[in-house]
Amino acid sequence: MIRALVRVWLFGGLRMDEIRRLELECVRWDQATDPDSGETYRVCLPHIPANKTTAAFSKPVDPIVGELIDAWKTIRPVQPDITDRKTGQRRRHMFFVHPVAGTVWAYEGATFGNRVLHMYFPKTGMIIAIAVNSAVGEGDTLPDLAGTVYKTLSAQKAQALPRHQ
């Protein structure tokens, strides 16, 4: 995530808020032709969300940005849709930043009939693992349960175990 995030920041020419709000399927690829040599090359056109001064738009950036975003999408952990604070719409963001917890790395998997959600919060060093005996459905409450556990532990100022050196 960090590599893709840094490259988008360095080569994308975007504001931090625009990077934070990039949608998961933001990259579109196109072809262009070099006027001098006639060779074709790929052009990365990320869709940039509306910001404080302009409406949403697409802009050409270095192809390495799109390649790293595509690579990040293949290994990106399962993350919940969140409400965009500017548009009010629920969306899948490329880089998930929880409003309370900050950056959250999460993985959801299934083993022996249980669903297990592992969450790591780098800001606090907290790791939460929750296993439930349920299937994914429309009223899935596992992410809400994890959020409640995080808020409860944070409110109680739970102490992390000492880190091994």
N, C-alpha and C. Protein backbone atom coordinates (compact mmCIF):
# COMPACT_ATOMS: atom_id res chain seq x y z
N MET A 1 0.83 -1.19 0.00
CA MET A 1 0.00 0.00 0.00
C MET A 1 0.88 1.26 0.00
N ILE A 2 1.91 1.25 0.81
CA ILE A 2 2.74 2.44 0.94
C ILE A 2 3.40 2.78 -0.39
N ARG A 3 3.91 1.76 -1.09
CA ARG A 3 4.57 2.00 -2.38
C ARG A 3 3.60 2.64 -3.37
N ALA A 4 2.40 2.08 -3.49
CA ALA A 4 1.41 2.65 -4.42
C ALA A 4 1.00 4.05 -3.99
N LEU A 5 0.79 4.23 -2.70
CA LEU A 5 0.38 5.54 -2.18
C LEU A 5 1.44 6.61 -2.45
N VAL A 6 2.70 6.27 -2.20
CA VAL A 6 3.79 7.23 -2.41
C VAL A 6 3.95 7.56 -3.89
N ARG A 7 3.86 6.56 -4.76
CA ARG A 7 4.00 6.82 -6.19
C ARG A 7 2.85 7.67 -6.72
N VAL A 8 1.64 7.42 -6.24
CA VAL A 8 0.51 8.26 -6.65
C VAL A 8 0.77 9.70 -6.21
N TRP A 9 1.30 9.86 -5.01
CA TRP A 9 1.59 11.19 -4.50
C TRP A 9 2.71 11.86 -5.31
N LEU A 10 3.78 11.12 -5.59
CA LEU A 10 4.92 11.70 -6.30
C LEU A 10 4.65 11.99 -7.78
N PHE A 11 4.02 11.04 -8.46
CA PHE A 11 3.87 11.16 -9.91
C PHE A 11 2.47 11.57 -10.36
N GLY A 12 1.51 11.60 -9.47
CA GLY A 12 0.14 11.91 -9.85
C GLY A 12 -0.21 13.38 -9.82
N GLY A 13 0.54 14.17 -9.06
CA GLY A 13 0.24 15.59 -8.96
C GLY A 13 -1.11 15.84 -8.33
N LEU A 14 -1.45 15.08 -7.30
CA LEU A 14 -2.77 15.19 -6.66
C LEU A 14 -2.64 15.73 -5.25
N ARG A 15 -3.72 16.34 -4.79
CA ARG A 15 -3.80 16.76 -3.39
C ARG A 15 -4.02 15.53 -2.52
N MET A 16 -3.64 15.63 -1.26
CA MET A 16 -3.78 14.49 -0.36
C MET A 16 -5.23 14.04 -0.26
N ASP A 17 -6.15 14.99 -0.21
CA ASP A 17 -7.57 14.64 -0.12
C ASP A 17 -8.03 13.88 -1.36
N GLU A 18 -7.50 14.25 -2.53
CA GLU A 18 -7.86 13.55 -3.77
C GLU A 18 -7.31 12.12 -3.75
N ILE A 19 -6.09 11.93 -3.25
CA ILE A 19 -5.51 10.60 -3.14
C ILE A 19 -6.32 9.76 -2.16
N ARG A 20 -6.65 10.33 -1.03
CA ARG A 20 -7.40 9.63 0.00
C ARG A 20 -8.76 9.16 -0.52
N ARG A 21 -9.34 9.92 -1.46
CA ARG A 21 -10.68 9.62 -1.94
C ARG A 21 -10.72 8.91 -3.29
N LEU A 22 -9.55 8.47 -3.81
CA LEU A 22 -9.55 7.72 -5.07
C LEU A 22 -10.38 6.46 -4.92
N GLU A 23 -11.19 6.18 -5.94
CA GLU A 23 -12.01 4.97 -5.90
C GLU A 23 -11.19 3.77 -6.34
N LEU A 24 -11.64 2.59 -5.96
CA LEU A 24 -10.91 1.36 -6.26
C LEU A 24 -10.72 1.18 -7.77
N GLU A 25 -11.71 1.48 -8.55
CA GLU A 25 -11.62 1.31 -10.01
C GLU A 25 -11.36 2.66 -10.69
N CYS A 26 -10.37 3.40 -10.21
CA CYS A 26 -10.13 4.75 -10.72
C CYS A 26 -9.29 4.80 -11.99
N VAL A 27 -8.54 3.73 -12.29
CA VAL A 27 -7.60 3.78 -13.41
C VAL A 27 -8.25 3.31 -14.71
N ARG A 28 -8.06 4.12 -15.74
CA ARG A 28 -8.49 3.76 -17.10
C ARG A 28 -7.24 3.87 -17.97
N TRP A 29 -7.07 2.90 -18.87
CA TRP A 29 -5.92 2.89 -19.77
C TRP A 29 -6.36 3.30 -21.16
N ASP A 30 -5.51 4.03 -21.86
CA ASP A 30 -5.78 4.46 -23.23
C ASP A 30 -4.47 4.33 -24.02
N GLN A 31 -4.57 4.49 -25.32
CA GLN A 31 -3.40 4.45 -26.20
C GLN A 31 -3.19 5.84 -26.79
N ALA A 32 -1.95 6.22 -26.96
CA ALA A 32 -1.60 7.48 -27.63
C ALA A 32 -0.48 7.20 -28.62
N THR A 33 -0.30 8.10 -29.55
CA THR A 33 0.73 7.93 -30.57
C THR A 33 1.72 9.09 -30.48
N ASP A 34 2.99 8.74 -30.47
CA ASP A 34 4.05 9.76 -30.46
C ASP A 34 4.06 10.44 -31.83
N PRO A 35 3.92 11.78 -31.87
CA PRO A 35 3.85 12.46 -33.16
C PRO A 35 5.14 12.39 -33.97
N ASP A 36 6.28 12.25 -33.30
CA ASP A 36 7.56 12.21 -34.01
C ASP A 36 7.88 10.83 -34.57
N SER A 37 7.74 9.80 -33.70
CA SER A 37 8.14 8.46 -34.12
C SER A 37 6.98 7.62 -34.66
N GLY A 38 5.75 7.99 -34.31
CA GLY A 38 4.59 7.20 -34.73
C GLY A 38 4.34 5.99 -33.86
N GLU A 39 5.14 5.80 -32.83
CA GLU A 39 4.97 4.65 -31.93
C GLU A 39 3.79 4.90 -31.00
N THR A 40 3.08 3.81 -30.67
CA THR A 40 1.98 3.94 -29.71
C THR A 40 2.50 3.60 -28.32
N TYR A 41 1.88 4.19 -27.34
CA TYR A 41 2.24 3.92 -25.95
C TYR A 41 1.00 4.02 -25.09
N ARG A 42 1.08 3.39 -23.92
CA ARG A 42 -0.05 3.38 -23.00
C ARG A 42 -0.10 4.68 -22.21
N VAL A 43 -1.32 5.14 -21.95
CA VAL A 43 -1.53 6.34 -21.14
C VAL A 43 -2.42 5.95 -19.97
N CYS A 44 -1.99 6.30 -18.78
CA CYS A 44 -2.78 6.05 -17.57
C CYS A 44 -3.63 7.28 -17.29
N LEU A 45 -4.95 7.06 -17.17
CA LEU A 45 -5.88 8.17 -16.92
C LEU A 45 -6.69 7.89 -15.66
N PRO A 46 -6.15 8.22 -14.48
CA PRO A 46 -6.94 8.01 -13.27
C PRO A 46 -8.10 9.01 -13.18
N HIS A 47 -9.23 8.52 -12.66
CA HIS A 47 -10.38 9.39 -12.44
C HIS A 47 -10.19 10.04 -11.08
N ILE A 48 -10.09 11.35 -11.06
CA ILE A 48 -9.83 12.11 -9.83
C ILE A 48 -11.16 12.61 -9.29
N PRO A 49 -11.46 12.35 -8.02
CA PRO A 49 -12.73 12.81 -7.46
C PRO A 49 -12.80 14.33 -7.36
N ALA A 50 -14.01 14.83 -7.27
CA ALA A 50 -14.22 16.28 -7.11
C ALA A 50 -13.45 16.76 -5.88
N ASN A 51 -12.90 17.97 -6.00
CA ASN A 51 -12.17 18.53 -4.86
C ASN A 51 -12.74 19.90 -4.52
N LYS A 52 -12.01 20.65 -3.74
CA LYS A 52 -12.56 21.94 -3.29
C LYS A 52 -12.67 22.98 -4.39
N THR A 53 -11.96 22.79 -5.50
CA THR A 53 -12.00 23.82 -6.55
C THR A 53 -12.54 23.34 -7.89
N THR A 54 -12.56 22.02 -8.15
CA THR A 54 -13.01 21.53 -9.45
C THR A 54 -13.91 20.31 -9.32
N ALA A 55 -14.65 20.05 -10.39
CA ALA A 55 -15.48 18.84 -10.46
C ALA A 55 -14.55 17.65 -10.73
N ALA A 56 -15.10 16.44 -10.67
CA ALA A 56 -14.31 15.24 -10.96
C ALA A 56 -13.77 15.31 -12.38
N PHE A 57 -12.58 14.74 -12.58
CA PHE A 57 -11.95 14.78 -13.90
C PHE A 57 -10.96 13.63 -14.03
N SER A 58 -10.49 13.38 -15.25
CA SER A 58 -9.42 12.41 -15.50
C SER A 58 -8.22 13.17 -16.04
N LYS A 59 -7.03 12.67 -15.70
CA LYS A 59 -5.82 13.35 -16.18
C LYS A 59 -4.75 12.32 -16.50
N PRO A 60 -3.94 12.58 -17.53
CA PRO A 60 -2.87 11.63 -17.86
C PRO A 60 -1.72 11.74 -16.85
N VAL A 61 -1.24 10.59 -16.40
CA VAL A 61 -0.10 10.55 -15.48
C VAL A 61 0.86 9.47 -15.97
N ASP A 62 2.03 9.42 -15.37
CA ASP A 62 3.03 8.42 -15.71
C ASP A 62 2.43 7.02 -15.56
N PRO A 63 2.64 6.13 -16.54
CA PRO A 63 2.07 4.78 -16.46
C PRO A 63 2.46 4.01 -15.21
N ILE A 64 3.59 4.34 -14.57
CA ILE A 64 3.97 3.62 -13.36
C ILE A 64 2.92 3.79 -12.26
N VAL A 65 2.22 4.93 -12.26
CA VAL A 65 1.16 5.15 -11.27
C VAL A 65 0.07 4.10 -11.46
N GLY A 66 -0.39 3.93 -12.68
CA GLY A 66 -1.44 2.95 -12.96
C GLY A 66 -0.99 1.53 -12.70
N GLU A 67 0.26 1.23 -13.04
CA GLU A 67 0.78 -0.12 -12.82
C GLU A 67 0.83 -0.44 -11.33
N LEU A 68 1.26 0.51 -10.52
CA LEU A 68 1.32 0.27 -9.07
C LEU A 68 -0.07 0.20 -8.45
N ILE A 69 -0.99 1.01 -8.95
CA ILE A 69 -2.37 0.93 -8.45
C ILE A 69 -2.96 -0.43 -8.82
N ASP A 70 -2.75 -0.88 -10.05
CA ASP A 70 -3.25 -2.20 -10.46
C ASP A 70 -2.63 -3.31 -9.62
N ALA A 71 -1.33 -3.20 -9.32
CA ALA A 71 -0.66 -4.19 -8.47
C ALA A 71 -1.24 -4.17 -7.06
N TRP A 72 -1.49 -2.98 -6.52
CA TRP A 72 -2.05 -2.84 -5.18
C TRP A 72 -3.44 -3.47 -5.12
N LYS A 73 -4.23 -3.31 -6.19
CA LYS A 73 -5.59 -3.87 -6.21
C LYS A 73 -5.57 -5.39 -6.12
N THR A 74 -4.52 -6.04 -6.65
CA THR A 74 -4.48 -7.50 -6.61
C THR A 74 -4.18 -8.05 -5.22
N ILE A 75 -3.52 -7.25 -4.38
CA ILE A 75 -3.19 -7.73 -3.03
C ILE A 75 -3.91 -6.96 -1.94
N ARG A 76 -4.73 -6.01 -2.33
CA ARG A 76 -5.44 -5.15 -1.38
C ARG A 76 -6.35 -5.99 -0.49
N PRO A 77 -6.26 -5.84 0.83
CA PRO A 77 -7.14 -6.59 1.72
C PRO A 77 -8.60 -6.16 1.53
N VAL A 78 -9.50 -7.04 1.95
CA VAL A 78 -10.92 -6.73 1.91
C VAL A 78 -11.17 -5.54 2.84
N GLN A 79 -11.84 -4.53 2.33
CA GLN A 79 -12.11 -3.34 3.12
C GLN A 79 -13.54 -2.91 2.88
N PRO A 80 -14.18 -2.34 3.88
CA PRO A 80 -15.58 -1.97 3.73
C PRO A 80 -15.77 -0.74 2.86
N ASP A 81 -16.96 -0.63 2.27
CA ASP A 81 -17.33 0.61 1.60
C ASP A 81 -17.50 1.67 2.68
N ILE A 82 -17.08 2.89 2.39
CA ILE A 82 -17.27 3.96 3.36
C ILE A 82 -17.96 5.13 2.68
N THR A 83 -18.59 5.94 3.48
CA THR A 83 -19.29 7.11 2.96
C THR A 83 -18.28 8.20 2.67
N ASP A 84 -18.30 8.68 1.42
CA ASP A 84 -17.41 9.77 1.02
C ASP A 84 -17.88 11.04 1.73
N ARG A 85 -16.99 11.70 2.40
CA ARG A 85 -17.40 12.86 3.21
C ARG A 85 -17.80 14.06 2.37
N LYS A 86 -17.41 14.08 1.10
CA LYS A 86 -17.79 15.22 0.25
C LYS A 86 -19.07 14.96 -0.53
N THR A 87 -19.25 13.71 -1.02
CA THR A 87 -20.42 13.41 -1.84
C THR A 87 -21.54 12.74 -1.06
N GLY A 88 -21.21 12.13 0.07
CA GLY A 88 -22.22 11.41 0.86
C GLY A 88 -22.55 10.04 0.30
N GLN A 89 -21.87 9.60 -0.76
CA GLN A 89 -22.12 8.29 -1.36
C GLN A 89 -21.21 7.24 -0.75
N ARG A 90 -21.72 6.00 -0.64
CA ARG A 90 -20.89 4.90 -0.16
C ARG A 90 -20.06 4.40 -1.32
N ARG A 91 -18.73 4.31 -1.11
CA ARG A 91 -17.83 3.93 -2.19
C ARG A 91 -16.70 3.05 -1.68
N ARG A 92 -16.07 2.36 -2.61
CA ARG A 92 -14.88 1.56 -2.29
C ARG A 92 -13.67 2.42 -2.61
N HIS A 93 -12.96 2.85 -1.59
CA HIS A 93 -11.79 3.69 -1.77
C HIS A 93 -10.54 2.84 -2.00
N MET A 94 -9.62 3.38 -2.79
CA MET A 94 -8.37 2.68 -3.09
C MET A 94 -7.55 2.50 -1.81
N PHE A 95 -7.38 3.56 -1.05
CA PHE A 95 -6.60 3.54 0.17
C PHE A 95 -7.55 3.86 1.32
N PHE A 96 -7.81 2.88 2.17
CA PHE A 96 -8.80 3.06 3.23
C PHE A 96 -8.17 3.72 4.45
N VAL A 97 -8.77 4.80 4.88
CA VAL A 97 -8.35 5.47 6.11
C VAL A 97 -9.59 5.64 6.97
N HIS A 98 -9.64 4.94 8.09
CA HIS A 98 -10.80 5.00 8.97
C HIS A 98 -10.84 6.35 9.67
N PRO A 99 -12.02 6.98 9.79
CA PRO A 99 -12.10 8.31 10.38
C PRO A 99 -11.61 8.38 11.83
N VAL A 100 -11.74 7.29 12.58
CA VAL A 100 -11.32 7.29 13.98
C VAL A 100 -9.96 6.62 14.15
N ALA A 101 -9.79 5.46 13.52
CA ALA A 101 -8.62 4.63 13.76
C ALA A 101 -7.43 5.00 12.88
N GLY A 102 -7.65 5.76 11.82
CA GLY A 102 -6.56 6.06 10.89
C GLY A 102 -6.43 4.94 9.87
N THR A 103 -5.20 4.66 9.45
CA THR A 103 -4.97 3.58 8.49
C THR A 103 -5.26 2.24 9.16
N VAL A 104 -6.01 1.39 8.46
CA VAL A 104 -6.37 0.08 8.99
C VAL A 104 -6.01 -0.95 7.94
N TRP A 105 -5.30 -1.98 8.33
CA TRP A 105 -5.03 -3.09 7.43
C TRP A 105 -5.90 -4.24 7.90
N ALA A 106 -6.72 -4.75 7.01
CA ALA A 106 -7.67 -5.79 7.40
C ALA A 106 -7.64 -6.93 6.40
N TYR A 107 -7.91 -8.13 6.92
CA TYR A 107 -8.04 -9.30 6.07
C TYR A 107 -9.20 -10.12 6.61
N GLU A 108 -10.09 -10.52 5.72
CA GLU A 108 -11.21 -11.36 6.13
C GLU A 108 -11.10 -12.67 5.40
N GLY A 109 -11.15 -13.77 6.14
CA GLY A 109 -11.06 -15.09 5.53
C GLY A 109 -12.02 -16.04 6.22
N ALA A 110 -12.14 -17.23 5.70
CA ALA A 110 -13.04 -18.23 6.27
C ALA A 110 -12.25 -19.51 6.53
N THR A 111 -12.46 -20.07 7.72
CA THR A 111 -11.82 -21.34 8.06
C THR A 111 -12.79 -22.18 8.86
N PHE A 112 -12.93 -23.44 8.52
CA PHE A 112 -13.74 -24.39 9.28
C PHE A 112 -15.13 -23.86 9.64
N GLY A 113 -15.80 -23.22 8.70
CA GLY A 113 -17.15 -22.74 8.93
C GLY A 113 -17.23 -21.40 9.63
N ASN A 114 -16.11 -20.84 10.04
CA ASN A 114 -16.11 -19.53 10.69
C ASN A 114 -15.54 -18.48 9.75
N ARG A 115 -16.01 -17.26 9.91
CA ARG A 115 -15.37 -16.13 9.23
C ARG A 115 -14.49 -15.45 10.25
N VAL A 116 -13.29 -15.12 9.84
CA VAL A 116 -12.33 -14.49 10.74
C VAL A 116 -11.90 -13.17 10.13
N LEU A 117 -11.97 -12.13 10.94
CA LEU A 117 -11.53 -10.80 10.52
C LEU A 117 -10.32 -10.42 11.36
N HIS A 118 -9.20 -10.17 10.68
CA HIS A 118 -7.97 -9.72 11.34
C HIS A 118 -7.79 -8.26 10.99
N MET A 119 -7.57 -7.42 11.97
CA MET A 119 -7.36 -6.00 11.73
C MET A 119 -6.13 -5.53 12.49
N TYR A 120 -5.30 -4.74 11.82
CA TYR A 120 -4.11 -4.16 12.44
C TYR A 120 -4.21 -2.65 12.34
N PHE A 121 -4.01 -1.96 13.44
CA PHE A 121 -4.09 -0.51 13.52
C PHE A 121 -2.69 0.02 13.83
N PRO A 122 -1.94 0.45 12.79
CA PRO A 122 -0.56 0.89 13.03
C PRO A 122 -0.44 2.07 13.98
N LYS A 123 -1.46 2.92 14.00
CA LYS A 123 -1.42 4.12 14.85
C LYS A 123 -1.29 3.75 16.33
N THR A 124 -1.97 2.66 16.73
CA THR A 124 -1.94 2.26 18.13
C THR A 124 -1.18 0.96 18.37
N GLY A 125 -0.84 0.23 17.30
CA GLY A 125 -0.19 -1.06 17.45
C GLY A 125 -1.17 -2.17 17.81
N MET A 126 -2.46 -1.88 17.77
CA MET A 126 -3.47 -2.84 18.18
C MET A 126 -3.77 -3.83 17.06
N ILE A 127 -3.93 -5.10 17.43
CA ILE A 127 -4.34 -6.15 16.50
C ILE A 127 -5.61 -6.76 17.06
N ILE A 128 -6.62 -6.87 16.21
CA ILE A 128 -7.89 -7.47 16.62
C ILE A 128 -8.17 -8.64 15.69
N ALA A 129 -8.52 -9.78 16.26
CA ALA A 129 -8.96 -10.94 15.48
C ALA A 129 -10.31 -11.37 16.02
N ILE A 130 -11.30 -11.40 15.15
CA ILE A 130 -12.65 -11.77 15.56
C ILE A 130 -13.11 -12.92 14.67
N ALA A 131 -13.59 -14.00 15.29
CA ALA A 131 -14.12 -15.13 14.54
C ALA A 131 -15.61 -15.26 14.85
N VAL A 132 -16.40 -15.40 13.82
CA VAL A 132 -17.85 -15.55 13.99
C VAL A 132 -18.32 -16.72 13.16
N ASN A 133 -19.38 -17.35 13.63
CA ASN A 133 -19.97 -18.47 12.92
C ASN A 133 -21.16 -17.94 12.13
N SER A 134 -20.88 -17.29 11.01
CA SER A 134 -21.96 -16.73 10.20
C SER A 134 -21.49 -16.59 8.77
N ALA A 135 -22.45 -16.51 7.89
CA ALA A 135 -22.15 -16.29 6.48
C ALA A 135 -22.30 -14.81 6.17
N VAL A 136 -21.69 -14.37 5.08
CA VAL A 136 -21.84 -13.00 4.65
C VAL A 136 -23.25 -12.82 4.12
N GLY A 137 -23.92 -11.81 4.58
CA GLY A 137 -25.27 -11.52 4.11
C GLY A 137 -25.47 -10.04 3.96
N GLU A 138 -26.69 -9.67 3.65
CA GLU A 138 -26.98 -8.24 3.47
C GLU A 138 -26.78 -7.46 4.76
N GLY A 139 -27.12 -8.03 5.88
CA GLY A 139 -26.98 -7.33 7.15
C GLY A 139 -25.69 -7.68 7.85
N ASP A 140 -24.58 -7.77 7.12
CA ASP A 140 -23.31 -8.17 7.71
C ASP A 140 -22.87 -7.15 8.76
N THR A 141 -22.69 -7.63 9.98
CA THR A 141 -22.32 -6.73 11.08
C THR A 141 -20.89 -6.96 11.57
N LEU A 142 -20.14 -7.82 10.91
CA LEU A 142 -18.77 -8.09 11.36
C LEU A 142 -17.89 -6.83 11.38
N PRO A 143 -17.90 -5.99 10.33
CA PRO A 143 -17.10 -4.76 10.42
C PRO A 143 -17.56 -3.82 11.54
N ASP A 144 -18.87 -3.76 11.78
CA ASP A 144 -19.38 -2.94 12.88
C ASP A 144 -18.91 -3.48 14.22
N LEU A 145 -18.93 -4.81 14.36
CA LEU A 145 -18.46 -5.44 15.60
C LEU A 145 -16.99 -5.11 15.83
N ALA A 146 -16.19 -5.21 14.80
CA ALA A 146 -14.76 -4.89 14.92
C ALA A 146 -14.57 -3.43 15.32
N GLY A 147 -15.37 -2.53 14.74
CA GLY A 147 -15.29 -1.11 15.11
C GLY A 147 -15.64 -0.89 16.57
N THR A 148 -16.66 -1.60 17.06
CA THR A 148 -17.07 -1.47 18.46
C THR A 148 -15.96 -1.97 19.38
N VAL A 149 -15.34 -3.09 19.02
CA VAL A 149 -14.24 -3.63 19.82
C VAL A 149 -13.09 -2.62 19.87
N TYR A 150 -12.75 -2.04 18.69
CA TYR A 150 -11.67 -1.05 18.64
C TYR A 150 -11.99 0.15 19.53
N LYS A 151 -13.21 0.68 19.41
CA LYS A 151 -13.59 1.85 20.22
C LYS A 151 -13.55 1.53 21.70
N THR A 152 -14.01 0.34 22.08
CA THR A 152 -14.02 -0.05 23.49
C THR A 152 -12.59 -0.16 24.03
N LEU A 153 -11.73 -0.84 23.28
CA LEU A 153 -10.35 -0.98 23.74
C LEU A 153 -9.62 0.36 23.77
N SER A 154 -9.90 1.21 22.78
CA SER A 154 -9.27 2.54 22.76
C SER A 154 -9.74 3.39 23.93
N ALA A 155 -11.03 3.32 24.24
CA ALA A 155 -11.58 4.10 25.35
C ALA A 155 -10.98 3.64 26.69
N GLN A 156 -10.69 2.36 26.78
CA GLN A 156 -10.11 1.83 28.02
C GLN A 156 -8.59 1.95 28.01
N LYS A 157 -8.06 2.54 26.93
CA LYS A 157 -6.61 2.69 26.79
C LYS A 157 -5.87 1.38 27.04
N ALA A 158 -6.36 0.34 26.31
CA ALA A 158 -5.76 -0.99 26.44
C ALA A 158 -4.27 -0.91 26.12
N GLN A 159 -3.48 -1.57 26.93
CA GLN A 159 -2.03 -1.54 26.75
C GLN A 159 -1.60 -2.65 25.81
N ALA A 160 -0.79 -2.30 24.84
CA ALA A 160 -0.25 -3.30 23.92
C ALA A 160 0.84 -4.08 24.63
N LEU A 161 1.04 -5.32 24.19
CA LEU A 161 2.13 -6.12 24.74
C LEU A 161 3.45 -5.48 24.30
N PRO A 162 4.50 -5.60 25.12
CA PRO A 162 5.78 -5.02 24.73
C PRO A 162 6.27 -5.67 23.42
N ARG A 163 6.85 -4.86 22.56
CA ARG A 163 7.36 -5.36 21.29
C ARG A 163 8.72 -5.99 21.51
N HIS A 164 8.93 -7.11 20.81
CA HIS A 164 10.23 -7.78 20.91
C HIS A 164 11.24 -7.05 20.05
N GLN A 165 12.42 -6.87 20.54
CA GLN A 165 13.47 -6.16 19.81
C GLN A 165 14.29 -7.15 19.02
